């Protein structure tokens, strides 16, 4: 009798252990998974909506932390920018903060493309960059660069529809008054849209590009 009771209790316990257990094997995290997700902040959502309304083509990117203070939060990958009469190509650009992308879109369309048409007689076709995100300090300092948070763009050159290529390194002091006027005009336009604009006139570290950085309490344009 005692043996039958013990057997019954053992079976009951075994069955109870099966209740609610999963029928499928447990899934393991996929290799390479970082747990990164798209930013859900109201500011980022509003910025993405504004960038979309400006008709730029882009893909929102997942937030990433890389250590040493470097990160890409609320960033996008720009595929093309909108001009008055079509799309503008853009090269060599990595993750870019949404505010920087929005400022770049406005500058490219209303500053660069229109200046190219009015001063050089040809619409803009492509903007060539030296990149955006880079986990590094400001040259010669221990201060983290805005590039370390994907909040800056380095502009190297502009390709026009008529085939001309205007570069910062080769044309900043061009013998052509039209080319010089074009580059100074787009610099002035950038100073109205970005918090920091650094040119070859600032120092030798910027001899071959324009550094464009949104934000800041006080604009700095050199």
N, C-alpha and C. Protein backbone atom coordinates (compact mmCIF):
# COMPACT_ATOMS: atom_id res chain seq x y z
N UNK A 1 0.83 -1.21 0.00
CA UNK A 1 0.00 0.00 0.00
C UNK A 1 0.87 1.26 0.00
N UNK A 2 1.85 1.28 0.88
CA UNK A 2 2.74 2.43 0.96
C UNK A 2 3.48 2.62 -0.36
N UNK A 3 3.86 1.45 -0.99
CA UNK A 3 4.59 1.52 -2.26
C UNK A 3 3.74 2.14 -3.35
N UNK A 4 2.42 1.79 -3.37
CA UNK A 4 1.51 2.36 -4.38
C UNK A 4 1.36 3.86 -4.21
N UNK A 5 1.28 4.32 -2.96
CA UNK A 5 1.15 5.76 -2.69
C UNK A 5 2.38 6.51 -3.17
N UNK A 6 3.58 5.94 -2.91
CA UNK A 6 4.82 6.59 -3.32
C UNK A 6 4.92 6.68 -4.83
N UNK A 7 4.48 5.61 -5.55
CA UNK A 7 4.50 5.62 -7.01
C UNK A 7 3.56 6.67 -7.55
N UNK A 8 2.38 6.79 -6.95
CA UNK A 8 1.39 7.78 -7.40
C UNK A 8 1.90 9.20 -7.21
N UNK A 9 2.53 9.46 -6.05
CA UNK A 9 3.07 10.79 -5.78
C UNK A 9 4.17 11.13 -6.76
N UNK A 10 5.01 10.11 -7.10
CA UNK A 10 6.10 10.33 -8.04
C UNK A 10 5.58 10.70 -9.42
N UNK A 11 4.53 10.00 -9.87
CA UNK A 11 3.93 10.30 -11.18
C UNK A 11 3.31 11.68 -11.20
N UNK A 12 2.64 12.06 -10.10
CA UNK A 12 2.01 13.37 -10.01
C UNK A 12 3.05 14.48 -10.12
N UNK A 13 4.16 14.30 -9.45
CA UNK A 13 5.22 15.31 -9.47
C UNK A 13 5.82 15.43 -10.87
N UNK A 14 6.00 14.28 -11.54
CA UNK A 14 6.56 14.31 -12.89
C UNK A 14 5.65 15.04 -13.85
N UNK A 15 4.35 14.78 -13.77
CA UNK A 15 3.39 15.43 -14.64
C UNK A 15 3.32 16.93 -14.37
N UNK A 16 3.37 17.29 -13.07
CA UNK A 16 3.32 18.70 -12.71
C UNK A 16 4.50 19.44 -13.30
N UNK A 17 5.65 18.79 -13.39
CA UNK A 17 6.83 19.42 -13.93
C UNK A 17 6.71 19.69 -15.42
N UNK A 18 5.78 19.06 -16.14
CA UNK A 18 5.60 19.25 -17.58
C UNK A 18 4.63 20.37 -17.90
N UNK A 19 3.82 20.80 -16.95
CA UNK A 19 2.81 21.83 -17.20
C UNK A 19 3.48 23.16 -17.49
N UNK A 20 3.14 23.76 -18.63
CA UNK A 20 3.67 25.06 -18.99
C UNK A 20 5.05 25.02 -19.60
N UNK A 21 5.65 23.87 -19.78
CA UNK A 21 6.97 23.82 -20.39
C UNK A 21 6.86 24.06 -21.88
N UNK A 22 7.85 24.72 -22.51
CA UNK A 22 7.75 25.03 -23.93
C UNK A 22 7.79 23.78 -24.78
N UNK A 23 7.03 23.80 -25.87
CA UNK A 23 7.01 22.67 -26.79
C UNK A 23 8.15 22.75 -27.79
N UNK A 24 8.67 24.00 -28.05
CA UNK A 24 9.77 24.20 -28.99
C UNK A 24 11.07 24.37 -28.22
N UNK A 25 12.19 23.98 -28.81
CA UNK A 25 13.48 24.18 -28.12
C UNK A 25 13.78 25.66 -27.94
N UNK A 26 14.50 25.98 -26.91
CA UNK A 26 14.85 27.37 -26.60
C UNK A 26 15.73 27.96 -27.69
N UNK A 27 15.40 29.19 -28.14
CA UNK A 27 16.19 29.86 -29.17
C UNK A 27 17.42 30.51 -28.54
N UNK A 28 18.53 30.38 -29.21
CA UNK A 28 19.76 31.04 -28.77
C UNK A 28 19.95 32.34 -29.53
N UNK A 29 20.54 33.35 -28.92
CA UNK A 29 20.80 34.61 -29.63
C UNK A 29 21.64 34.34 -30.88
N UNK A 30 21.31 35.01 -31.96
CA UNK A 30 22.06 34.84 -33.20
C UNK A 30 23.45 35.41 -33.04
N UNK A 31 24.40 34.86 -33.77
CA UNK A 31 25.77 35.35 -33.70
C UNK A 31 25.85 36.77 -34.25
N UNK A 32 26.62 37.60 -33.60
CA UNK A 32 26.79 38.97 -34.06
C UNK A 32 25.71 39.91 -33.55
N UNK A 33 24.76 39.41 -32.76
CA UNK A 33 23.69 40.27 -32.26
C UNK A 33 24.26 41.22 -31.22
N UNK A 34 23.94 42.51 -31.33
CA UNK A 34 24.46 43.50 -30.39
C UNK A 34 23.38 44.08 -29.49
N UNK A 35 22.12 43.74 -29.78
CA UNK A 35 21.03 44.29 -28.99
C UNK A 35 20.73 45.72 -29.35
N UNK A 36 21.33 46.24 -30.44
CA UNK A 36 21.09 47.62 -30.85
C UNK A 36 19.68 47.78 -31.37
N UNK A 37 19.12 48.97 -31.20
CA UNK A 37 17.76 49.23 -31.67
C UNK A 37 17.66 50.66 -32.18
N UNK A 38 16.63 50.92 -32.96
CA UNK A 38 16.41 52.26 -33.47
C UNK A 38 16.04 53.20 -32.33
N UNK A 39 16.53 54.43 -32.42
CA UNK A 39 16.22 55.42 -31.39
C UNK A 39 14.73 55.72 -31.36
N UNK A 40 14.17 55.79 -30.16
CA UNK A 40 12.75 56.07 -30.02
C UNK A 40 12.48 57.42 -29.37
N UNK A 41 13.51 58.27 -29.28
CA UNK A 41 13.31 59.55 -28.62
C UNK A 41 12.40 60.44 -29.47
N UNK A 42 11.57 61.27 -28.83
CA UNK A 42 10.70 62.17 -29.59
C UNK A 42 11.48 63.11 -30.50
N UNK A 43 12.66 63.55 -30.04
CA UNK A 43 13.48 64.45 -30.86
C UNK A 43 13.94 63.77 -32.15
N UNK A 44 14.36 62.51 -32.03
CA UNK A 44 14.82 61.79 -33.21
C UNK A 44 13.66 61.52 -34.16
N UNK A 45 12.51 61.12 -33.63
CA UNK A 45 11.35 60.86 -34.49
C UNK A 45 10.94 62.12 -35.24
N UNK A 46 10.95 63.26 -34.55
CA UNK A 46 10.58 64.52 -35.20
C UNK A 46 11.60 64.89 -36.26
N UNK A 47 12.89 64.66 -35.97
CA UNK A 47 13.95 64.98 -36.93
C UNK A 47 13.82 64.11 -38.17
N UNK A 48 13.57 62.83 -38.00
CA UNK A 48 13.41 61.93 -39.13
C UNK A 48 12.22 62.34 -40.00
N UNK A 49 11.16 62.79 -39.35
CA UNK A 49 9.98 63.24 -40.09
C UNK A 49 10.32 64.48 -40.93
N UNK A 50 11.09 65.39 -40.34
CA UNK A 50 11.49 66.61 -41.07
C UNK A 50 12.42 66.27 -42.24
N UNK A 51 13.33 65.33 -42.02
CA UNK A 51 14.25 64.92 -43.08
C UNK A 51 13.49 64.26 -44.22
N UNK A 52 12.48 63.46 -43.87
CA UNK A 52 11.66 62.85 -44.89
C UNK A 52 10.85 63.87 -45.67
N UNK A 53 10.33 64.88 -44.96
CA UNK A 53 9.55 65.93 -45.62
C UNK A 53 10.42 66.73 -46.59
N UNK A 54 11.72 66.80 -46.31
CA UNK A 54 12.64 67.50 -47.21
C UNK A 54 12.99 66.67 -48.44
N UNK A 55 12.49 65.44 -48.48
CA UNK A 55 12.64 64.52 -49.61
C UNK A 55 14.05 63.97 -49.80
N UNK A 56 14.83 63.97 -48.72
CA UNK A 56 16.10 63.25 -48.75
C UNK A 56 15.80 61.76 -48.68
N UNK A 57 16.66 60.95 -49.28
CA UNK A 57 16.52 59.50 -49.20
C UNK A 57 17.52 58.98 -48.19
N UNK A 58 17.02 58.23 -47.21
CA UNK A 58 17.89 57.79 -46.12
C UNK A 58 17.32 56.55 -45.46
N UNK A 59 18.18 55.91 -44.65
CA UNK A 59 17.79 54.76 -43.85
C UNK A 59 18.14 55.03 -42.40
N UNK A 60 17.17 54.98 -41.47
CA UNK A 60 17.50 55.14 -40.05
C UNK A 60 18.37 53.98 -39.58
N UNK A 61 19.34 54.27 -38.74
CA UNK A 61 20.26 53.25 -38.25
C UNK A 61 20.05 53.00 -36.76
N UNK A 62 20.37 51.79 -36.34
CA UNK A 62 20.24 51.44 -34.92
C UNK A 62 21.29 52.18 -34.09
N UNK A 63 20.92 52.52 -32.87
CA UNK A 63 21.86 53.17 -31.95
C UNK A 63 22.99 52.20 -31.61
N UNK A 64 24.21 52.74 -31.55
CA UNK A 64 25.37 51.92 -31.22
C UNK A 64 26.30 52.69 -30.29
N UNK A 65 26.85 51.97 -29.30
CA UNK A 65 27.88 52.51 -28.43
C UNK A 65 29.18 51.75 -28.70
N UNK A 66 30.29 52.47 -28.86
CA UNK A 66 31.55 51.84 -29.22
C UNK A 66 32.62 51.96 -28.12
N UNK A 67 32.30 52.62 -27.03
CA UNK A 67 33.28 52.81 -25.98
C UNK A 67 34.13 54.04 -26.21
N UNK A 68 34.86 54.44 -25.20
CA UNK A 68 35.74 55.62 -25.25
C UNK A 68 34.96 56.89 -25.58
N UNK A 69 33.65 56.90 -25.28
CA UNK A 69 32.82 58.07 -25.55
C UNK A 69 32.29 58.14 -26.96
N UNK A 70 32.61 57.16 -27.79
CA UNK A 70 32.17 57.16 -29.19
C UNK A 70 30.84 56.43 -29.35
N UNK A 71 29.96 56.99 -30.18
CA UNK A 71 28.65 56.38 -30.38
C UNK A 71 28.01 56.92 -31.65
N UNK A 72 27.01 56.21 -32.12
CA UNK A 72 26.18 56.69 -33.23
C UNK A 72 24.72 56.53 -32.79
N UNK A 73 24.17 57.62 -32.26
CA UNK A 73 22.82 57.61 -31.73
C UNK A 73 21.91 58.49 -32.57
N UNK A 74 20.74 57.98 -32.93
CA UNK A 74 19.81 58.76 -33.74
C UNK A 74 20.40 59.11 -35.09
N UNK A 75 21.09 58.16 -35.72
CA UNK A 75 21.77 58.44 -36.97
C UNK A 75 21.01 57.87 -38.17
N UNK A 76 21.42 58.31 -39.35
CA UNK A 76 20.86 57.81 -40.60
C UNK A 76 22.00 57.53 -41.57
N UNK A 77 21.69 56.76 -42.59
CA UNK A 77 22.60 56.60 -43.72
C UNK A 77 21.95 57.29 -44.92
N UNK A 78 22.53 58.40 -45.34
CA UNK A 78 21.97 59.15 -46.46
C UNK A 78 22.29 58.45 -47.78
N UNK A 79 21.25 58.29 -48.59
CA UNK A 79 21.43 57.70 -49.91
C UNK A 79 21.52 58.78 -50.98
N UNK A 80 20.74 59.82 -50.84
CA UNK A 80 20.81 60.95 -51.77
C UNK A 80 20.11 62.14 -51.14
N UNK A 81 20.40 63.33 -51.67
CA UNK A 81 19.80 64.56 -51.20
C UNK A 81 18.89 65.13 -52.29
N UNK A 82 17.98 65.98 -51.88
CA UNK A 82 17.04 66.56 -52.83
C UNK A 82 17.54 67.90 -53.34
N UNK A 83 17.50 68.08 -54.65
CA UNK A 83 17.79 69.37 -55.27
C UNK A 83 16.50 69.92 -55.86
N UNK A 84 16.54 71.10 -56.43
CA UNK A 84 15.32 71.68 -57.01
C UNK A 84 14.78 70.82 -58.14
N UNK A 85 15.68 70.24 -58.94
CA UNK A 85 15.26 69.52 -60.15
C UNK A 85 15.58 68.03 -60.12
N UNK A 86 15.77 67.46 -58.96
CA UNK A 86 16.07 66.04 -58.90
C UNK A 86 16.84 65.68 -57.65
N UNK A 87 17.67 64.65 -57.75
CA UNK A 87 18.42 64.16 -56.61
C UNK A 87 19.91 64.46 -56.75
N UNK A 88 20.56 64.65 -55.61
CA UNK A 88 22.00 64.87 -55.56
C UNK A 88 22.66 63.63 -54.96
N UNK A 89 23.67 63.13 -55.62
CA UNK A 89 24.42 62.01 -55.07
C UNK A 89 25.39 62.51 -54.00
N UNK A 90 25.73 61.63 -53.07
CA UNK A 90 26.69 61.97 -52.03
C UNK A 90 27.56 60.76 -51.78
N UNK A 91 28.87 60.96 -51.67
CA UNK A 91 29.79 59.82 -51.59
C UNK A 91 30.51 59.75 -50.25
N UNK A 92 30.93 58.51 -49.92
CA UNK A 92 31.84 58.24 -48.80
C UNK A 92 31.29 58.68 -47.45
N UNK A 93 29.98 58.63 -47.31
CA UNK A 93 29.37 59.10 -46.07
C UNK A 93 28.88 57.92 -45.24
N UNK A 94 29.34 57.84 -43.99
CA UNK A 94 28.90 56.80 -43.08
C UNK A 94 27.71 57.26 -42.25
N UNK A 95 27.52 56.69 -41.04
CA UNK A 95 26.43 57.13 -40.17
C UNK A 95 26.54 58.62 -39.88
N UNK A 96 25.39 59.29 -39.89
CA UNK A 96 25.36 60.74 -39.67
C UNK A 96 24.18 61.06 -38.79
N UNK A 97 24.38 61.89 -37.77
CA UNK A 97 23.28 62.25 -36.89
C UNK A 97 22.17 62.91 -37.70
N UNK A 98 20.94 62.70 -37.27
CA UNK A 98 19.81 63.26 -38.01
C UNK A 98 19.88 64.79 -38.11
N UNK A 99 20.22 65.52 -37.03
CA UNK A 99 20.35 66.98 -37.17
C UNK A 99 21.40 67.39 -38.20
N UNK A 100 22.52 66.68 -38.25
CA UNK A 100 23.56 67.00 -39.24
C UNK A 100 23.06 66.70 -40.65
N UNK A 101 22.34 65.60 -40.81
CA UNK A 101 21.79 65.24 -42.12
C UNK A 101 20.77 66.27 -42.58
N UNK A 102 19.95 66.75 -41.67
CA UNK A 102 18.94 67.75 -42.01
C UNK A 102 19.59 69.06 -42.44
N UNK A 103 20.61 69.49 -41.69
CA UNK A 103 21.33 70.72 -42.06
C UNK A 103 22.02 70.54 -43.41
N UNK A 104 22.60 69.36 -43.64
CA UNK A 104 23.27 69.09 -44.91
C UNK A 104 22.28 69.13 -46.07
N UNK A 105 21.10 68.57 -45.87
CA UNK A 105 20.09 68.58 -46.93
C UNK A 105 19.71 70.01 -47.32
N UNK A 106 19.45 70.85 -46.33
CA UNK A 106 19.09 72.23 -46.62
C UNK A 106 20.21 73.00 -47.30
N UNK A 107 21.44 72.79 -46.82
CA UNK A 107 22.60 73.49 -47.39
C UNK A 107 22.85 73.05 -48.83
N UNK A 108 22.78 71.74 -49.08
CA UNK A 108 23.04 71.23 -50.42
C UNK A 108 22.05 71.78 -51.44
N UNK A 109 20.80 71.85 -51.05
CA UNK A 109 19.78 72.30 -52.01
C UNK A 109 19.76 73.81 -52.18
N UNK A 110 19.64 74.51 -51.05
CA UNK A 110 19.43 75.96 -51.13
C UNK A 110 20.73 76.76 -51.14
N UNK A 111 21.81 76.14 -50.70
CA UNK A 111 23.09 76.83 -50.72
C UNK A 111 23.96 76.44 -51.89
N UNK A 112 24.34 75.16 -51.95
CA UNK A 112 25.33 74.72 -52.94
C UNK A 112 24.74 74.63 -54.35
N UNK A 113 23.64 73.92 -54.51
CA UNK A 113 23.09 73.73 -55.86
C UNK A 113 22.70 75.06 -56.50
N UNK A 114 22.05 75.91 -55.75
CA UNK A 114 21.62 77.19 -56.33
C UNK A 114 22.81 78.11 -56.61
N UNK A 115 23.83 78.05 -55.76
CA UNK A 115 25.03 78.86 -56.01
C UNK A 115 25.76 78.36 -57.26
N UNK A 116 25.79 77.03 -57.44
CA UNK A 116 26.43 76.47 -58.64
C UNK A 116 25.72 76.93 -59.91
N UNK A 117 24.40 76.95 -59.87
CA UNK A 117 23.64 77.39 -61.03
C UNK A 117 23.88 78.86 -61.33
N UNK A 118 23.82 79.68 -60.27
CA UNK A 118 23.88 81.12 -60.47
C UNK A 118 25.29 81.62 -60.77
N UNK A 119 26.31 81.04 -60.13
CA UNK A 119 27.68 81.54 -60.27
C UNK A 119 28.47 80.80 -61.34
N UNK A 120 28.28 79.47 -61.40
CA UNK A 120 29.08 78.66 -62.32
C UNK A 120 28.30 78.22 -63.56
N UNK A 121 27.00 78.45 -63.57
CA UNK A 121 26.20 78.16 -64.74
C UNK A 121 25.88 76.70 -64.96
N UNK A 122 26.00 75.88 -63.93
CA UNK A 122 25.70 74.45 -64.05
C UNK A 122 25.16 73.95 -62.72
N UNK A 123 24.14 73.10 -62.74
CA UNK A 123 23.62 72.55 -61.48
C UNK A 123 24.61 71.58 -60.84
N UNK A 124 24.44 71.39 -59.55
CA UNK A 124 25.24 70.44 -58.80
C UNK A 124 24.76 69.02 -59.11
N UNK A 125 25.69 68.10 -59.20
CA UNK A 125 25.34 66.70 -59.43
C UNK A 125 25.71 65.81 -58.25
N UNK A 126 26.86 66.08 -57.62
CA UNK A 126 27.33 65.20 -56.55
C UNK A 126 28.16 65.97 -55.55
N UNK A 127 28.02 65.59 -54.28
CA UNK A 127 28.88 66.10 -53.22
C UNK A 127 29.80 64.97 -52.77
N UNK A 128 31.10 65.23 -52.75
CA UNK A 128 32.07 64.24 -52.32
C UNK A 128 32.53 64.57 -50.90
N UNK A 129 32.44 63.60 -50.02
CA UNK A 129 32.82 63.84 -48.63
C UNK A 129 34.05 63.01 -48.25
N UNK A 130 34.61 63.35 -47.10
CA UNK A 130 35.70 62.58 -46.51
C UNK A 130 35.20 61.78 -45.31
N UNK A 131 33.87 61.68 -45.22
CA UNK A 131 33.27 60.86 -44.17
C UNK A 131 32.58 61.66 -43.09
N UNK A 132 32.01 60.92 -42.15
CA UNK A 132 31.26 61.53 -41.05
C UNK A 132 31.72 60.93 -39.72
N UNK A 133 31.30 59.69 -39.40
CA UNK A 133 31.68 59.09 -38.11
C UNK A 133 33.13 58.63 -38.10
N UNK A 134 33.83 58.99 -37.04
CA UNK A 134 35.19 58.51 -36.80
C UNK A 134 35.50 58.67 -35.32
N UNK A 135 35.84 57.60 -34.66
CA UNK A 135 36.10 57.64 -33.21
C UNK A 135 37.50 58.21 -32.97
N UNK A 136 37.56 59.53 -32.79
CA UNK A 136 38.86 60.19 -32.63
C UNK A 136 38.71 61.52 -31.91
N UNK A 137 39.83 62.08 -31.51
CA UNK A 137 39.86 63.38 -30.87
C UNK A 137 40.05 64.48 -31.91
N UNK A 138 39.79 65.72 -31.50
CA UNK A 138 40.13 66.86 -32.32
C UNK A 138 41.63 66.87 -32.50
N UNK A 139 42.11 67.11 -33.71
CA UNK A 139 43.55 67.06 -34.00
C UNK A 139 44.34 67.94 -33.05
N UNK A 140 45.35 67.35 -32.42
CA UNK A 140 46.24 68.09 -31.53
C UNK A 140 45.70 68.33 -30.14
N UNK A 141 44.56 67.70 -29.79
CA UNK A 141 43.97 67.89 -28.47
C UNK A 141 43.57 66.55 -27.87
N UNK A 142 43.10 66.59 -26.63
CA UNK A 142 42.55 65.39 -25.97
C UNK A 142 41.02 65.45 -25.94
N UNK A 143 40.45 66.41 -26.66
CA UNK A 143 38.99 66.59 -26.69
C UNK A 143 38.37 65.76 -27.81
N UNK A 144 37.31 65.05 -27.47
CA UNK A 144 36.65 64.18 -28.43
C UNK A 144 36.05 65.00 -29.57
N UNK A 145 36.28 64.56 -30.79
CA UNK A 145 35.75 65.25 -31.97
C UNK A 145 34.25 65.00 -32.12
N UNK A 146 33.56 65.93 -32.78
CA UNK A 146 32.15 65.72 -33.11
C UNK A 146 31.98 64.53 -34.05
N UNK A 147 33.04 64.19 -34.77
CA UNK A 147 32.98 62.99 -35.62
C UNK A 147 32.77 61.73 -34.79
N UNK A 148 33.20 61.75 -33.53
CA UNK A 148 33.10 60.57 -32.67
C UNK A 148 31.66 60.24 -32.30
N UNK A 149 30.75 61.18 -32.55
CA UNK A 149 29.32 60.93 -32.34
C UNK A 149 28.53 61.11 -33.64
N UNK A 150 29.23 61.04 -34.75
CA UNK A 150 28.60 61.16 -36.09
C UNK A 150 27.87 62.48 -36.26
N UNK A 151 28.41 63.52 -35.63
CA UNK A 151 27.73 64.82 -35.66
C UNK A 151 28.52 65.85 -36.47
N UNK A 152 29.29 65.38 -37.44
CA UNK A 152 30.06 66.28 -38.29
C UNK A 152 30.28 65.63 -39.65
N UNK A 153 30.42 66.47 -40.68
CA UNK A 153 30.69 66.02 -42.04
C UNK A 153 31.90 66.78 -42.57
N UNK A 154 32.77 66.10 -43.28
CA UNK A 154 33.90 66.75 -43.96
C UNK A 154 33.63 66.72 -45.46
N UNK A 155 33.53 67.91 -46.07
CA UNK A 155 33.22 68.04 -47.49
C UNK A 155 34.50 68.27 -48.28
N UNK A 156 34.74 67.42 -49.30
CA UNK A 156 35.98 67.50 -50.07
C UNK A 156 35.81 68.19 -51.41
N UNK A 157 34.69 67.94 -52.12
CA UNK A 157 34.57 68.46 -53.48
C UNK A 157 33.12 68.41 -53.96
N UNK A 158 32.91 69.08 -55.11
CA UNK A 158 31.59 69.14 -55.73
C UNK A 158 31.73 68.81 -57.22
N UNK A 159 30.89 67.92 -57.70
CA UNK A 159 30.87 67.60 -59.12
C UNK A 159 29.64 68.24 -59.74
N UNK A 160 29.87 69.02 -60.82
CA UNK A 160 28.78 69.70 -61.50
C UNK A 160 28.25 68.86 -62.65
N UNK A 161 27.04 69.20 -63.10
CA UNK A 161 26.43 68.45 -64.19
C UNK A 161 27.21 68.57 -65.49
N UNK A 162 27.96 69.65 -65.66
CA UNK A 162 28.73 69.83 -66.89
C UNK A 162 30.09 69.13 -66.85
N UNK A 163 30.33 68.37 -65.76
CA UNK A 163 31.56 67.59 -65.65
C UNK A 163 32.65 68.21 -64.81
N UNK A 164 32.55 69.49 -64.50
CA UNK A 164 33.58 70.13 -63.69
C UNK A 164 33.58 69.60 -62.26
N UNK A 165 34.79 69.52 -61.70
CA UNK A 165 34.93 69.12 -60.30
C UNK A 165 35.62 70.26 -59.56
N UNK A 166 34.92 70.77 -58.55
CA UNK A 166 35.46 71.87 -57.73
C UNK A 166 35.85 71.28 -56.38
N UNK A 167 37.15 71.28 -56.07
CA UNK A 167 37.61 70.70 -54.81
C UNK A 167 38.09 71.78 -53.86
N UNK A 168 38.00 71.47 -52.58
CA UNK A 168 38.47 72.42 -51.57
C UNK A 168 39.99 72.52 -51.64
N UNK A 169 40.65 71.37 -51.78
CA UNK A 169 42.12 71.38 -51.80
C UNK A 169 42.67 72.11 -53.00
N UNK A 170 42.06 71.93 -54.17
CA UNK A 170 42.63 72.49 -55.38
C UNK A 170 42.09 73.83 -55.81
N UNK A 171 40.92 74.21 -55.27
CA UNK A 171 40.25 75.39 -55.80
C UNK A 171 39.91 76.47 -54.77
N UNK A 172 40.27 76.26 -53.51
CA UNK A 172 39.93 77.27 -52.51
C UNK A 172 40.53 78.63 -52.88
N UNK A 173 41.74 78.59 -53.41
CA UNK A 173 42.39 79.83 -53.87
C UNK A 173 42.56 79.79 -55.39
N UNK A 174 41.54 79.35 -56.06
CA UNK A 174 41.57 79.22 -57.52
C UNK A 174 41.82 80.57 -58.20
N UNK A 175 42.51 80.56 -59.34
CA UNK A 175 42.67 81.80 -60.10
C UNK A 175 41.36 82.28 -60.74
N UNK A 176 40.37 81.40 -60.78
CA UNK A 176 39.08 81.79 -61.34
C UNK A 176 38.25 82.55 -60.31
N UNK A 177 37.87 83.80 -60.58
CA UNK A 177 37.05 84.55 -59.62
C UNK A 177 35.68 83.91 -59.41
N UNK A 178 35.15 83.24 -60.42
CA UNK A 178 33.85 82.59 -60.28
C UNK A 178 33.92 81.40 -59.31
N UNK A 179 34.97 80.63 -59.44
CA UNK A 179 35.14 79.47 -58.55
C UNK A 179 35.35 79.95 -57.11
N UNK A 180 36.19 80.95 -56.93
CA UNK A 180 36.40 81.49 -55.58
C UNK A 180 35.10 82.04 -55.01
N UNK A 181 34.33 82.74 -55.83
CA UNK A 181 33.06 83.30 -55.36
C UNK A 181 32.09 82.18 -54.98
N UNK A 182 32.08 81.11 -55.75
CA UNK A 182 31.22 79.96 -55.44
C UNK A 182 31.57 79.37 -54.09
N UNK A 183 32.84 79.12 -53.85
CA UNK A 183 33.26 78.50 -52.60
C UNK A 183 33.01 79.41 -51.40
N UNK A 184 33.22 80.72 -51.54
CA UNK A 184 32.94 81.63 -50.43
C UNK A 184 31.45 81.75 -50.18
N UNK A 185 30.68 81.69 -51.25
CA UNK A 185 29.22 81.78 -51.09
C UNK A 185 28.67 80.56 -50.35
N UNK A 186 29.13 79.37 -50.70
CA UNK A 186 28.63 78.19 -50.01
C UNK A 186 29.15 78.10 -48.58
N UNK A 187 30.35 78.66 -48.34
CA UNK A 187 30.83 78.75 -46.96
C UNK A 187 29.90 79.63 -46.14
N UNK A 188 29.54 80.80 -46.66
CA UNK A 188 28.65 81.71 -45.93
C UNK A 188 27.29 81.08 -45.71
N UNK A 189 26.81 80.32 -46.70
CA UNK A 189 25.54 79.63 -46.55
C UNK A 189 25.62 78.57 -45.46
N UNK A 190 26.74 77.84 -45.41
CA UNK A 190 26.92 76.82 -44.38
C UNK A 190 26.94 77.44 -42.99
N UNK A 191 27.53 78.63 -42.86
CA UNK A 191 27.60 79.29 -41.57
C UNK A 191 26.23 79.66 -41.02
N UNK A 192 25.23 79.74 -41.89
CA UNK A 192 23.87 80.05 -41.45
C UNK A 192 23.11 78.80 -41.01
N UNK A 193 23.60 77.63 -41.40
CA UNK A 193 22.88 76.38 -41.12
C UNK A 193 23.58 75.48 -40.11
N UNK A 194 24.89 75.66 -39.94
CA UNK A 194 25.67 74.82 -39.03
C UNK A 194 26.25 75.67 -37.91
N UNK A 195 26.46 75.04 -36.76
CA UNK A 195 27.01 75.76 -35.62
C UNK A 195 28.50 75.99 -35.75
N UNK A 196 29.21 75.05 -36.40
CA UNK A 196 30.65 75.18 -36.60
C UNK A 196 30.98 74.89 -38.06
N UNK A 197 31.70 75.81 -38.68
CA UNK A 197 32.18 75.63 -40.06
C UNK A 197 33.66 75.98 -40.07
N UNK A 198 34.50 75.00 -40.43
CA UNK A 198 35.94 75.20 -40.49
C UNK A 198 36.41 75.01 -41.93
N UNK A 199 37.24 75.93 -42.42
CA UNK A 199 37.69 75.94 -43.81
C UNK A 199 39.22 75.97 -43.87
N UNK A 200 39.80 75.99 -45.06
CA UNK A 200 41.26 76.14 -45.15
C UNK A 200 41.78 77.42 -44.53
N UNK A 201 40.92 78.41 -44.36
CA UNK A 201 41.35 79.65 -43.71
C UNK A 201 41.54 79.48 -42.21
N UNK A 202 41.06 78.39 -41.64
CA UNK A 202 41.15 78.17 -40.19
C UNK A 202 42.53 77.65 -39.80
N UNK A 203 42.91 76.51 -40.38
CA UNK A 203 44.26 75.97 -40.12
C UNK A 203 44.61 74.93 -41.19
N UNK A 204 45.85 74.45 -41.15
CA UNK A 204 46.30 73.52 -42.19
C UNK A 204 45.60 72.17 -42.10
N UNK A 205 45.07 71.82 -40.93
CA UNK A 205 44.36 70.55 -40.80
C UNK A 205 43.10 70.52 -41.67
N UNK A 206 42.61 71.73 -42.06
CA UNK A 206 41.40 71.81 -42.88
C UNK A 206 41.70 72.34 -44.28
N UNK A 207 42.93 72.15 -44.72
CA UNK A 207 43.34 72.67 -46.03
C UNK A 207 42.61 71.99 -47.19
N UNK A 208 42.07 70.77 -46.96
CA UNK A 208 41.47 70.03 -48.07
C UNK A 208 39.99 69.72 -47.88
N UNK A 209 39.35 70.36 -46.90
CA UNK A 209 37.92 70.07 -46.70
C UNK A 209 37.23 71.16 -45.88
N UNK A 210 35.91 71.14 -45.93
CA UNK A 210 35.07 71.95 -45.06
C UNK A 210 34.53 71.05 -43.96
N UNK A 211 34.75 71.44 -42.72
CA UNK A 211 34.21 70.70 -41.59
C UNK A 211 32.89 71.36 -41.19
N UNK A 212 31.80 70.61 -41.25
CA UNK A 212 30.47 71.13 -40.94
C UNK A 212 29.89 70.39 -39.74
N UNK A 213 29.46 71.15 -38.75
CA UNK A 213 28.99 70.56 -37.49
C UNK A 213 27.79 71.34 -36.98
N UNK A 214 26.63 70.71 -36.80
CA UNK A 214 25.45 71.44 -36.33
C UNK A 214 25.52 71.71 -34.84
N UNK A 215 24.60 72.54 -34.37
CA UNK A 215 24.48 72.79 -32.94
C UNK A 215 25.49 73.79 -32.42
N UNK A 216 25.58 73.81 -31.08
CA UNK A 216 26.48 74.76 -30.43
C UNK A 216 25.73 76.00 -29.98
N UNK A 217 26.13 76.51 -28.82
CA UNK A 217 25.47 77.69 -28.27
C UNK A 217 25.87 78.96 -29.02
N UNK A 218 27.07 78.94 -29.58
CA UNK A 218 27.55 80.11 -30.30
C UNK A 218 28.19 79.65 -31.61
N UNK A 219 27.76 80.24 -32.71
CA UNK A 219 28.28 79.82 -34.01
C UNK A 219 29.76 80.18 -34.14
N UNK A 220 30.49 79.28 -34.78
CA UNK A 220 31.91 79.51 -35.04
C UNK A 220 32.15 79.22 -36.50
N UNK A 221 32.55 80.24 -37.26
CA UNK A 221 32.71 80.12 -38.70
C UNK A 221 34.05 80.73 -39.11
N UNK A 222 34.99 79.86 -39.52
CA UNK A 222 36.32 80.34 -39.94
C UNK A 222 36.75 79.66 -41.24
